[in-house]
């Protein structure tokens, strides 16, 4: 089934002292690919700024803007209309010998590596090896996602934006970002190239057309098993028409919705609201 959705993502910053200048990047534009078609997207700011767009190294659309007048508040609003459909069944599924070949490992080296959010772990590498035993890479993708879904409890506030996969594993709690990072750790430990996906998820499978609901940013993973195959370990489901993908990268650090630097200013308040409307 194909869905058409409108996503409105509004972010407000308030500063207790004037900011004299700021430089920002917004990753708030949905992707156009074989599963999605972006009909409309605009990113606007208050105060008004000049914006320009580019596609980053990982293939994510970026809206960049800077502001050089003193301000104590900044609002960033992104509105998109996108048509989505469920993920397609993989046409090809490679075996372990294929994934271990030098051309594949060289091509996907960055999605096999480890870092701050997805650190090396001997303990979890053993888990990944156990899940991969007597299984194909495609089966391991499913097994790893389900293992993480069962291991973690979804509890907002127990981890933060800088928490790693190991932090969530040790707490046995987390949010979608943590589910994705922990799944990436298992898959990469098993030798499967895997990447982080940011986006949105409509919370209601049977949503009525025209009804607006509160949403939030979401995260899931894609693994290369002959082609990129997505899975949502937080909800233990394949990617559906309710998923709207925005950015891809090695981990959260490559796809934050907003990031920037400021000169001046002081302590700041942050307010984020996401609304999703099924249009058809």
C-alpha atoms as a PDB file:
ATOM      1  CA  UNK A   1       0.000   0.000   0.000  1.00  0.00           C
ATOM      2  CA  UNK A   2       1.211   3.505  -0.854  1.00  0.00           C
ATOM      3  CA  UNK A   3       0.825   6.352   1.624  1.00  0.00           C
ATOM      4  CA  UNK A   4       1.125  10.080   1.124  1.00  0.00           C
ATOM      5  CA  UNK A   5       2.134  11.984   4.267  1.00  0.00           C
ATOM      6  CA  UNK A   6       2.867  15.528   5.325  1.00  0.00           C
ATOM      7  CA  UNK A   7       5.599  15.879   7.936  1.00  0.00           C
ATOM      8  CA  UNK A   8       6.146  19.164   9.782  1.00  0.00           C
ATOM      9  CA  UNK A   9       9.242  19.344  11.991  1.00  0.00           C
ATOM     10  CA  UNK A  10       9.660  22.541  14.027  1.00  0.00           C
ATOM     11  CA  UNK A  11      12.637  23.325  16.253  1.00  0.00           C
ATOM     12  CA  UNK A  12      12.973  26.397  18.469  1.00  0.00           C
ATOM     13  CA  UNK A  13      16.083  27.653  20.245  1.00  0.00           C
ATOM     14  CA  UNK A  14      16.000  30.338  22.928  1.00  0.00           C
ATOM     15  CA  UNK A  15      19.149  31.984  24.312  1.00  0.00           C
ATOM     16  CA  UNK A  16      19.551  33.946  27.538  1.00  0.00           C
ATOM     17  CA  UNK A  17      22.018  36.311  25.835  1.00  0.00           C
ATOM     18  CA  UNK A  18      22.197  37.513  22.219  1.00  0.00           C
ATOM     19  CA  UNK A  19      23.901  35.260  19.698  1.00  0.00           C
ATOM     20  CA  UNK A  20      25.924  37.392  17.306  1.00  0.00           C
ATOM     21  CA  UNK A  21      26.293  34.776  14.573  1.00  0.00           C
ATOM     22  CA  UNK A  22      25.456  31.142  13.929  1.00  0.00           C
ATOM     23  CA  UNK A  23      26.282  28.566  11.278  1.00  0.00           C
ATOM     24  CA  UNK A  24      23.903  25.660  10.842  1.00  0.00           C
ATOM     25  CA  UNK A  25      23.124  22.497   8.893  1.00  0.00           C
ATOM     26  CA  UNK A  26      19.678  20.911   8.725  1.00  0.00           C
ATOM     27  CA  UNK A  27      19.118  17.323   7.619  1.00  0.00           C
ATOM     28  CA  UNK A  28      15.346  17.501   7.371  1.00  0.00           C
ATOM     29  CA  UNK A  29      14.664  16.627   3.727  1.00  0.00           C
ATOM     30  CA  UNK A  30      13.292  13.109   3.055  1.00  0.00           C
ATOM     31  CA  UNK A  31      15.135  10.950   0.562  1.00  0.00           C
ATOM     32  CA  UNK A  32      13.870  10.168  -2.916  1.00  0.00           C
ATOM     33  CA  UNK A  33      14.621   6.541  -3.725  1.00  0.00           C
ATOM     34  CA  UNK A  34      12.965   3.329  -4.895  1.00  0.00           C
ATOM     35  CA  UNK A  35      10.612   3.363  -1.881  1.00  0.00           C
ATOM     36  CA  UNK A  36       9.949   7.090  -1.493  1.00  0.00           C
ATOM     37  CA  UNK A  37       9.064  10.044  -3.667  1.00  0.00           C
ATOM     38  CA  UNK A  38       9.382  13.556  -2.251  1.00  0.00           C
ATOM     39  CA  UNK A  39       6.681  15.812  -3.657  1.00  0.00           C
ATOM     40  CA  UNK A  40       7.419  18.909  -1.593  1.00  0.00           C
ATOM     41  CA  UNK A  41      10.046  20.048   0.892  1.00  0.00           C
ATOM     42  CA  UNK A  42      10.895  23.426   2.285  1.00  0.00           C
ATOM     43  CA  UNK A  43      13.094  24.498   5.186  1.00  0.00           C
ATOM     44  CA  UNK A  44      12.519  27.990   6.594  1.00  0.00           C
ATOM     45  CA  UNK A  45      13.958  29.957   9.501  1.00  0.00           C
ATOM     46  CA  UNK A  46      12.922  32.824  11.762  1.00  0.00           C
ATOM     47  CA  UNK A  47      14.780  35.195  11.627  1.00  0.00           C
ATOM     48  CA  UNK A  48      14.923  34.700   7.865  1.00  0.00           C
ATOM     49  CA  UNK A  49      18.239  33.506   6.461  1.00  0.00           C
ATOM     50  CA  UNK A  50      19.735  32.721   3.116  1.00  0.00           C
ATOM     51  CA  UNK A  51      19.902  28.966   2.613  1.00  0.00           C
ATOM     52  CA  UNK A  52      21.668  26.716   0.182  1.00  0.00           C
ATOM     53  CA  UNK A  53      21.408  22.988  -0.358  1.00  0.00           C
ATOM     54  CA  UNK A  54      23.870  20.250  -1.074  1.00  0.00           C
ATOM     55  CA  UNK A  55      24.118  16.482  -0.786  1.00  0.00           C
ATOM     56  CA  UNK A  56      26.638  15.277   1.772  1.00  0.00           C
ATOM     57  CA  UNK A  57      29.167  12.451   1.454  1.00  0.00           C
ATOM     58  CA  UNK A  58      26.642   9.833   2.585  1.00  0.00           C
ATOM     59  CA  UNK A  59      23.904  10.945   0.178  1.00  0.00           C
ATOM     60  CA  UNK A  60      21.790  12.965   2.623  1.00  0.00           C
ATOM     61  CA  UNK A  61      20.261  16.283   1.526  1.00  0.00           C
ATOM     62  CA  UNK A  62      21.524  19.176   3.675  1.00  0.00           C
ATOM     63  CA  UNK A  63      20.102  22.690   4.005  1.00  0.00           C
ATOM     64  CA  UNK A  64      22.813  25.037   5.256  1.00  0.00           C
ATOM     65  CA  UNK A  65      22.213  28.547   6.579  1.00  0.00           C
ATOM     66  CA  UNK A  66      23.968  31.168   8.653  1.00  0.00           C
ATOM     67  CA  UNK A  67      22.805  34.217  10.572  1.00  0.00           C
ATOM     68  CA  UNK A  68      24.964  37.266  11.353  1.00  0.00           C
ATOM     69  CA  UNK A  69      22.572  39.565  13.198  1.00  0.00           C
ATOM     70  CA  UNK A  70      22.182  39.469  17.005  1.00  0.00           C
ATOM     71  CA  UNK A  71      19.296  37.209  18.018  1.00  0.00           C
ATOM     72  CA  UNK A  72      17.958  35.574  21.178  1.00  0.00           C
ATOM     73  CA  UNK A  73      15.779  33.006  19.401  1.00  0.00           C
ATOM     74  CA  UNK A  74      15.968  30.867  16.278  1.00  0.00           C
ATOM     75  CA  UNK A  75      13.169  28.809  14.771  1.00  0.00           C
ATOM     76  CA  UNK A  76      13.728  26.193  12.072  1.00  0.00           C
ATOM     77  CA  UNK A  77      10.684  24.737  10.325  1.00  0.00           C
ATOM     78  CA  UNK A  78      10.731  21.923   7.771  1.00  0.00           C
ATOM     79  CA  UNK A  79       7.605  20.833   5.898  1.00  0.00           C
ATOM     80  CA  UNK A  80       7.558  17.870   3.530  1.00  0.00           C
ATOM     81  CA  UNK A  81       5.037  15.884   1.533  1.00  0.00           C
ATOM     82  CA  UNK A  82       6.261  12.414   0.630  1.00  0.00           C
ATOM     83  CA  UNK A  83       4.806   9.275  -0.914  1.00  0.00           C
ATOM     84  CA  UNK A  84       6.005   6.004   0.584  1.00  0.00           C
ATOM     85  CA  UNK A  85       5.498   2.296   0.168  1.00  0.00           C
ATOM     86  CA  UNK A  86       6.737  -0.778   2.056  1.00  0.00           C
ATOM     87  CA  UNK A  87      10.288  -1.935   1.444  1.00  0.00           C
ATOM     88  CA  UNK A  88      10.656  -4.227  -1.549  1.00  0.00           C
ATOM     89  CA  UNK A  89      11.625  -7.856  -1.115  1.00  0.00           C
ATOM     90  CA  UNK A  90      15.389  -8.260  -1.726  1.00  0.00           C
ATOM     91  CA  UNK A  91      16.168  -9.416  -5.241  1.00  0.00           C
ATOM     92  CA  UNK A  92      19.556 -10.822  -4.248  1.00  0.00           C
ATOM     93  CA  UNK A  93      20.985 -12.177  -1.021  1.00  0.00           C
ATOM     94  CA  UNK A  94      24.729 -12.766  -0.804  1.00  0.00           C
ATOM     95  CA  UNK A  95      26.507 -15.440   1.194  1.00  0.00           C
ATOM     96  CA  UNK A  96      29.339 -15.034   3.693  1.00  0.00           C
ATOM     97  CA  UNK A  97      32.045 -15.724   1.106  1.00  0.00           C
ATOM     98  CA  UNK A  98      30.716 -12.832  -0.975  1.00  0.00           C
ATOM     99  CA  UNK A  99      30.670 -10.423   1.980  1.00  0.00           C
ATOM    100  CA  UNK A 100      34.198 -11.433   2.970  1.00  0.00           C
ATOM    101  CA  UNK A 101      35.581 -10.805  -0.504  1.00  0.00           C
ATOM    102  CA  UNK A 102      38.072  -7.982  -0.876  1.00  0.00           C
ATOM    103  CA  UNK A 103      35.952  -5.897  -3.318  1.00  0.00           C
ATOM    104  CA  UNK A 104      32.929  -5.917  -0.968  1.00  0.00           C
ATOM    105  CA  UNK A 105      34.975  -5.188   2.164  1.00  0.00           C
ATOM    106  CA  UNK A 106      36.774  -2.362   0.387  1.00  0.00           C
ATOM    107  CA  UNK A 107      33.546  -0.890  -1.010  1.00  0.00           C
ATOM    108  CA  UNK A 108      31.772  -0.901   2.354  1.00  0.00           C
ATOM    109  CA  UNK A 109      34.737  -0.397   4.657  1.00  0.00           C
ATOM    110  CA  UNK A 110      33.167   2.607   6.400  1.00  0.00           C
ATOM    111  CA  UNK A 111      30.022   0.614   7.214  1.00  0.00           C
ATOM    112  CA  UNK A 112      32.095  -2.189   8.741  1.00  0.00           C
ATOM    113  CA  UNK A 113      34.138   0.073  10.993  1.00  0.00           C
ATOM    114  CA  UNK A 114      33.563   1.011  14.628  1.00  0.00           C
ATOM    115  CA  UNK A 115      33.530   4.378  16.409  1.00  0.00           C
ATOM    116  CA  UNK A 116      32.239   6.363  19.349  1.00  0.00           C
ATOM    117  CA  UNK A 117      28.580   5.412  18.966  1.00  0.00           C
ATOM    118  CA  UNK A 118      29.292   1.886  17.710  1.00  0.00           C
ATOM    119  CA  UNK A 119      32.441   0.805  19.588  1.00  0.00           C
ATOM    120  CA  UNK A 120      34.198  -2.539  19.418  1.00  0.00           C
ATOM    121  CA  UNK A 121      33.122  -5.068  22.013  1.00  0.00           C
ATOM    122  CA  UNK A 122      34.492  -8.582  22.391  1.00  0.00           C
ATOM    123  CA  UNK A 123      31.428  -9.628  24.366  1.00  0.00           C
ATOM    124  CA  UNK A 124      28.998  -8.404  21.715  1.00  0.00           C
ATOM    125  CA  UNK A 125      31.206  -9.713  18.919  1.00  0.00           C
ATOM    126  CA  UNK A 126      30.653 -13.164  20.409  1.00  0.00           C
ATOM    127  CA  UNK A 127      26.894 -12.509  20.373  1.00  0.00           C
ATOM    128  CA  UNK A 128      27.105 -11.472  16.725  1.00  0.00           C
ATOM    129  CA  UNK A 129      29.083 -14.609  15.864  1.00  0.00           C
ATOM    130  CA  UNK A 130      26.540 -16.793  17.641  1.00  0.00           C
ATOM    131  CA  UNK A 131      23.645 -15.190  15.777  1.00  0.00           C
ATOM    132  CA  UNK A 132      25.457 -15.670  12.460  1.00  0.00           C
ATOM    133  CA  UNK A 133      26.276 -19.333  13.074  1.00  0.00           C
ATOM    134  CA  UNK A 134      24.400 -21.593  10.652  1.00  0.00           C
ATOM    135  CA  UNK A 135      22.535 -18.538   9.312  1.00  0.00           C
ATOM    136  CA  UNK A 136      22.766 -16.551   6.095  1.00  0.00           C
ATOM    137  CA  UNK A 137      23.648 -12.822   6.235  1.00  0.00           C
ATOM    138  CA  UNK A 138      19.978 -11.985   5.578  1.00  0.00           C
ATOM    139  CA  UNK A 139      18.890 -14.255   8.421  1.00  0.00           C
ATOM    140  CA  UNK A 140      21.538 -12.709  10.670  1.00  0.00           C
ATOM    141  CA  UNK A 141      20.136  -9.244   9.972  1.00  0.00           C
ATOM    142  CA  UNK A 142      16.756 -10.384  11.263  1.00  0.00           C
ATOM    143  CA  UNK A 143      18.218 -12.300  14.220  1.00  0.00           C
ATOM    144  CA  UNK A 144      20.377  -9.374  15.354  1.00  0.00           C
ATOM    145  CA  UNK A 145      17.477  -6.929  15.140  1.00  0.00           C
ATOM    146  CA  UNK A 146      15.218  -9.244  17.119  1.00  0.00           C
ATOM    147  CA  UNK A 147      17.931  -9.874  19.728  1.00  0.00           C
ATOM    148  CA  UNK A 148      18.271  -6.131  20.315  1.00  0.00           C
ATOM    149  CA  UNK A 149      14.489  -5.691  20.425  1.00  0.00           C
ATOM    150  CA  UNK A 150      14.281  -8.318  23.166  1.00  0.00           C
ATOM    151  CA  UNK A 151      17.379  -7.106  25.029  1.00  0.00           C
ATOM    152  CA  UNK A 152      16.416  -3.437  25.402  1.00  0.00           C
ATOM    153  CA  UNK A 153      13.409  -1.862  27.027  1.00  0.00           C
ATOM    154  CA  UNK A 154      12.181   1.328  25.389  1.00  0.00           C
ATOM    155  CA  UNK A 155      12.587   3.911  28.172  1.00  0.00           C
ATOM    156  CA  UNK A 156      13.104   7.570  27.145  1.00  0.00           C
ATOM    157  CA  UNK A 157      15.524   9.489  29.319  1.00  0.00           C
ATOM    158  CA  UNK A 158      17.771   6.601  30.338  1.00  0.00           C
ATOM    159  CA  UNK A 159      20.289   7.438  27.619  1.00  0.00           C
ATOM    160  CA  UNK A 160      21.270  10.692  25.939  1.00  0.00           C
ATOM    161  CA  UNK A 161      22.145  11.917  22.482  1.00  0.00           C
ATOM    162  CA  UNK A 162      25.817  11.062  23.113  1.00  0.00           C
ATOM    163  CA  UNK A 163      25.210   7.552  24.504  1.00  0.00           C
ATOM    164  CA  UNK A 164      26.882   4.635  22.738  1.00  0.00           C
ATOM    165  CA  UNK A 165      25.606   1.160  21.924  1.00  0.00           C
ATOM    166  CA  UNK A 166      27.516  -0.167  24.936  1.00  0.00           C
ATOM    167  CA  UNK A 167      25.812   2.345  27.236  1.00  0.00           C
ATOM    168  CA  UNK A 168      22.413   1.082  26.131  1.00  0.00           C
ATOM    169  CA  UNK A 169      23.500  -2.545  26.373  1.00  0.00           C
ATOM    170  CA  UNK A 170      24.730  -2.091  29.941  1.00  0.00           C
ATOM    171  CA  UNK A 171      21.534  -0.275  30.938  1.00  0.00           C
ATOM    172  CA  UNK A 172      19.311  -2.695  28.972  1.00  0.00           C
ATOM    173  CA  UNK A 173      17.275   0.409  28.145  1.00  0.00           C
ATOM    174  CA  UNK A 174      17.208   3.076  25.497  1.00  0.00           C
ATOM    175  CA  UNK A 175      15.403   4.723  22.612  1.00  0.00           C
ATOM    176  CA  UNK A 176      15.382   4.152  18.849  1.00  0.00           C
ATOM    177  CA  UNK A 177      18.876   5.630  18.433  1.00  0.00           C
ATOM    178  CA  UNK A 178      20.236   3.058  20.900  1.00  0.00           C
ATOM    179  CA  UNK A 179      18.380   0.154  19.286  1.00  0.00           C
ATOM    180  CA  UNK A 180      19.902   1.125  15.943  1.00  0.00           C
ATOM    181  CA  UNK A 181      23.448   1.540  17.284  1.00  0.00           C
ATOM    182  CA  UNK A 182      23.394  -1.783  19.138  1.00  0.00           C
ATOM    183  CA  UNK A 183      22.096  -3.600  16.054  1.00  0.00           C
ATOM    184  CA  UNK A 184      24.837  -1.994  13.949  1.00  0.00           C
ATOM    185  CA  UNK A 185      27.449  -3.222  16.433  1.00  0.00           C
ATOM    186  CA  UNK A 186      26.229  -6.818  16.151  1.00  0.00           C
ATOM    187  CA  UNK A 187      25.994  -6.760  12.360  1.00  0.00           C
ATOM    188  CA  UNK A 188      29.403  -5.171  11.818  1.00  0.00           C
ATOM    189  CA  UNK A 189      30.952  -7.591  14.302  1.00  0.00           C
ATOM    190  CA  UNK A 190      29.539 -10.421  12.180  1.00  0.00           C
ATOM    191  CA  UNK A 191      31.042  -8.877   9.019  1.00  0.00           C
ATOM    192  CA  UNK A 192      27.842  -7.423   7.543  1.00  0.00           C
ATOM    193  CA  UNK A 193      28.039  -3.816   6.261  1.00  0.00           C
ATOM    194  CA  UNK A 194      25.359  -1.831   8.070  1.00  0.00           C
ATOM    195  CA  UNK A 195      24.328   1.814   8.258  1.00  0.00           C
ATOM    196  CA  UNK A 196      22.192   4.097  10.419  1.00  0.00           C
ATOM    197  CA  UNK A 197      18.979   5.574   9.011  1.00  0.00           C
ATOM    198  CA  UNK A 198      17.232   8.639  10.439  1.00  0.00           C
ATOM    199  CA  UNK A 199      13.684   9.649   9.649  1.00  0.00           C
ATOM    200  CA  UNK A 200      10.131   9.546  10.957  1.00  0.00           C
ATOM    201  CA  UNK A 201       7.545   6.891  11.751  1.00  0.00           C
ATOM    202  CA  UNK A 202       3.806   7.444  11.647  1.00  0.00           C
ATOM    203  CA  UNK A 203       2.691   5.891  14.954  1.00  0.00           C
ATOM    204  CA  UNK A 204      -0.648   4.478  13.749  1.00  0.00           C
ATOM    205  CA  UNK A 205      -0.874   1.659  11.219  1.00  0.00           C
ATOM    206  CA  UNK A 206      -4.554   2.271  10.518  1.00  0.00           C
ATOM    207  CA  UNK A 207      -4.375   6.071  10.473  1.00  0.00           C
ATOM    208  CA  UNK A 208      -7.347   7.863   8.985  1.00  0.00           C
ATOM    209  CA  UNK A 209      -6.709  10.144   6.030  1.00  0.00           C
ATOM    210  CA  UNK A 210      -6.614  13.792   7.090  1.00  0.00           C
ATOM    211  CA  UNK A 211      -5.841  13.175  10.757  1.00  0.00           C
ATOM    212  CA  UNK A 212      -2.781  14.900  12.200  1.00  0.00           C
ATOM    213  CA  UNK A 213      -0.891  13.137  14.986  1.00  0.00           C
ATOM    214  CA  UNK A 214       2.109  14.007  17.129  1.00  0.00           C
ATOM    215  CA  UNK A 215       5.229  12.289  15.845  1.00  0.00           C
ATOM    216  CA  UNK A 216       8.923  12.274  16.525  1.00  0.00           C
ATOM    217  CA  UNK A 217      12.207  11.546  14.841  1.00  0.00           C
ATOM    218  CA  UNK A 218      12.933   7.857  14.453  1.00  0.00           C
ATOM    219  CA  UNK A 219      15.937   5.672  13.621  1.00  0.00           C
ATOM    220  CA  UNK A 220      16.475   2.212  12.162  1.00  0.00           C
ATOM    221  CA  UNK A 221      19.148   0.336  10.239  1.00  0.00           C
ATOM    222  CA  UNK A 222      19.977  -0.940   6.775  1.00  0.00           C
ATOM    223  CA  UNK A 223      22.346  -3.825   6.074  1.00  0.00           C
ATOM    224  CA  UNK A 224      24.029  -4.791   2.822  1.00  0.00           C
ATOM    225  CA  UNK A 225      23.239  -8.381   1.884  1.00  0.00           C
ATOM    226  CA  UNK A 226      23.402  -7.914  -1.870  1.00  0.00           C
ATOM    227  CA  UNK A 227      21.423  -4.686  -1.649  1.00  0.00           C
ATOM    228  CA  UNK A 228      20.483  -2.385   1.205  1.00  0.00           C
ATOM    229  CA  UNK A 229      17.791  -4.035   3.328  1.00  0.00           C
ATOM    230  CA  UNK A 230      16.131  -2.069   6.129  1.00  0.00           C
ATOM    231  CA  UNK A 231      14.750  -3.203   9.461  1.00  0.00           C
ATOM    232  CA  UNK A 232      13.335  -1.390  12.489  1.00  0.00           C
ATOM    233  CA  UNK A 233      14.692  -3.104  15.630  1.00  0.00           C
ATOM    234  CA  UNK A 234      12.833  -0.752  17.975  1.00  0.00           C
ATOM    235  CA  UNK A 235       9.493  -2.089  16.755  1.00  0.00           C
ATOM    236  CA  UNK A 236      10.762  -5.422  15.415  1.00  0.00           C
ATOM    237  CA  UNK A 237       9.258  -4.828  11.985  1.00  0.00           C
ATOM    238  CA  UNK A 238      10.382  -4.569   8.395  1.00  0.00           C
ATOM    239  CA  UNK A 239      10.268  -1.088   6.875  1.00  0.00           C
ATOM    240  CA  UNK A 240       6.711  -0.117   6.009  1.00  0.00           C
ATOM    241  CA  UNK A 241       4.879   2.714   4.280  1.00  0.00           C
ATOM    242  CA  UNK A 242       4.750   4.440   7.694  1.00  0.00           C
ATOM    243  CA  UNK A 243       8.549   4.920   7.691  1.00  0.00           C
ATOM    244  CA  UNK A 244       9.897   8.130   6.129  1.00  0.00           C
ATOM    245  CA  UNK A 245      13.681   8.021   5.705  1.00  0.00           C
ATOM    246  CA  UNK A 246      15.715  11.225   5.746  1.00  0.00           C
ATOM    247  CA  UNK A 247      19.418  10.523   6.241  1.00  0.00           C
ATOM    248  CA  UNK A 248      21.918   7.678   6.198  1.00  0.00           C
ATOM    249  CA  UNK A 249      25.384   7.387   7.671  1.00  0.00           C
ATOM    250  CA  UNK A 250      27.683   5.368   9.890  1.00  0.00           C
ATOM    251  CA  UNK A 251      25.819   6.398  13.052  1.00  0.00           C
ATOM    252  CA  UNK A 252      23.856   9.284  14.572  1.00  0.00           C
ATOM    253  CA  UNK A 253      26.802  11.678  14.249  1.00  0.00           C
ATOM    254  CA  UNK A 254      26.394  11.638  10.461  1.00  0.00           C
ATOM    255  CA  UNK A 255      22.669  12.443  10.431  1.00  0.00           C
ATOM    256  CA  UNK A 256      21.588  14.813  13.252  1.00  0.00           C
ATOM    257  CA  UNK A 257      18.471  16.789  12.250  1.00  0.00           C
ATOM    258  CA  UNK A 258      20.210  20.051  13.193  1.00  0.00           C
ATOM    259  CA  UNK A 259      23.747  20.950  14.117  1.00  0.00           C
ATOM    260  CA  UNK A 260      25.707  24.167  14.185  1.00  0.00           C
ATOM    261  CA  UNK A 261      28.001  26.515  16.022  1.00  0.00           C
ATOM    262  CA  UNK A 262      27.250  29.906  17.544  1.00  0.00           C
ATOM    263  CA  UNK A 263      29.213  32.972  18.626  1.00  0.00           C
ATOM    264  CA  UNK A 264      27.996  34.704  21.755  1.00  0.00           C
ATOM    265  CA  UNK A 265      24.827  33.682  23.494  1.00  0.00           C
ATOM    266  CA  UNK A 266      24.505  31.748  26.721  1.00  0.00           C
ATOM    267  CA  UNK A 267      22.405  28.919  28.050  1.00  0.00           C
ATOM    268  CA  UNK A 268      19.732  27.842  25.613  1.00  0.00           C
ATOM    269  CA  UNK A 269      16.320  26.198  25.624  1.00  0.00           C
ATOM    270  CA  UNK A 270      15.288  23.699  22.975  1.00  0.00           C
ATOM    271  CA  UNK A 271      11.764  22.879  21.859  1.00  0.00           C
ATOM    272  CA  UNK A 272      10.988  20.305  19.153  1.00  0.00           C
ATOM    273  CA  UNK A 273       7.593  19.407  17.684  1.00  0.00           C
ATOM    274  CA  UNK A 274       6.826  16.935  14.897  1.00  0.00           C
ATOM    275  CA  UNK A 275       3.400  16.519  13.313  1.00  0.00           C
ATOM    276  CA  UNK A 276       2.524  13.865  10.744  1.00  0.00           C
ATOM    277  CA  UNK A 277      -0.631  13.824   8.634  1.00  0.00           C
ATOM    278  CA  UNK A 278      -1.685  11.004   6.359  1.00  0.00           C
ATOM    279  CA  UNK A 279      -2.976  12.672   3.189  1.00  0.00           C
ATOM    280  CA  UNK A 280      -3.799   9.572   1.151  1.00  0.00           C
END
